Amino acid sequence: MSDDPKITASTIQLATLYGGGITGFISLIMAFFPFFNGDFLSAGICLLAAALSFGLMANAVLREGLMH
């Protein structure tokens, strides 16, 4: 690992971007199954996980780093 803080911050942001994207999309897809079965609490929890994941991903991207 490099001692350069800009490289370290970019690495963390990229890991958050890919990890958050994968988790968010999987949570969105998995929310359909309980929704169609009538288990709305489980669907809401999956949607909450997707929203948290996409929110963290947006926070990492819009901070100083990938977009600047």
Protein backbone atom coordinates (compact mmCIF):
# COMPACT_ATOMS: atom_id res chain seq x y z
CA MET A 1 0.00 0.00 0.00
CA SER A 2 1.23 3.45 -0.84
CA ASP A 3 1.82 6.21 1.69
CA ASP A 4 0.33 8.77 -0.69
CA PRO A 5 -3.00 9.88 0.84
CA LYS A 6 -4.53 10.67 -2.57
CA ILE A 7 -3.91 7.12 -3.83
CA THR A 8 -5.24 5.66 -0.59
CA ALA A 9 -8.39 7.80 -0.75
CA SER A 10 -8.95 6.85 -4.40
CA THR A 11 -8.56 3.16 -3.56
CA ILE A 12 -11.13 3.42 -0.77
CA GLN A 13 -13.51 5.33 -3.03
CA LEU A 14 -13.20 2.75 -5.81
CA ALA A 15 -13.79 -0.10 -3.36
CA THR A 16 -16.85 1.71 -2.03
CA LEU A 17 -18.08 2.39 -5.55
CA TYR A 18 -17.87 -1.21 -6.73
CA GLY A 19 -18.94 -2.78 -3.44
CA GLY A 20 -21.83 -0.37 -3.03
CA GLY A 21 -22.97 -0.86 -6.60
CA ILE A 22 -22.96 -4.63 -6.36
CA THR A 23 -24.71 -4.63 -2.98
CA GLY A 24 -27.29 -2.07 -4.14
CA PHE A 25 -28.24 -3.89 -7.32
CA ILE A 26 -28.44 -7.27 -5.59
CA SER A 27 -30.62 -5.75 -2.85
CA LEU A 28 -32.93 -4.21 -5.44
CA ILE A 29 -33.29 -7.50 -7.27
CA MET A 30 -33.81 -9.47 -4.05
CA ALA A 31 -36.52 -7.00 -2.93
CA PHE A 32 -38.80 -8.21 -5.72
CA PHE A 33 -39.10 -11.76 -4.38
CA PRO A 34 -40.58 -10.94 -0.95
CA PHE A 35 -42.67 -8.13 -2.46
CA PHE A 36 -44.45 -10.49 -4.85
CA ASN A 37 -44.92 -13.03 -2.06
CA GLY A 38 -46.64 -10.43 0.10
CA ASP A 39 -43.88 -10.12 2.71
CA PHE A 40 -43.62 -6.35 2.63
CA LEU A 41 -41.40 -6.02 5.71
CA SER A 42 -38.65 -8.10 4.09
CA ALA A 43 -39.01 -6.17 0.85
CA GLY A 44 -38.66 -2.92 2.79
CA ILE A 45 -35.53 -4.16 4.51
CA CYS A 46 -34.00 -5.08 1.14
CA LEU A 47 -34.91 -1.66 -0.25
CA LEU A 48 -33.42 -0.02 2.84
CA ALA A 49 -30.16 -1.91 2.24
CA ALA A 50 -30.17 -0.77 -1.39
CA ALA A 51 -30.80 2.85 -0.42
CA LEU A 52 -28.03 2.80 2.19
CA SER A 53 -25.64 1.21 -0.27
CA PHE A 54 -26.39 3.71 -3.05
CA GLY A 55 -26.19 6.59 -0.56
CA LEU A 56 -22.76 5.56 0.65
CA MET A 57 -21.69 5.08 -2.95
CA ALA A 58 -22.87 8.59 -3.88
CA ASN A 59 -21.11 10.04 -0.85
CA ALA A 60 -17.83 8.38 -1.83
CA VAL A 61 -18.06 9.51 -5.45
CA LEU A 62 -19.11 13.10 -4.79
CA ARG A 63 -16.41 13.78 -2.22
CA GLU A 64 -12.99 14.92 -3.27
CA GLY A 65 -11.61 12.23 -5.51
CA LEU A 66 -13.16 10.41 -8.42
CA MET A 67 -15.20 13.28 -9.83
CA HIS A 68 -12.62 16.04 -9.30
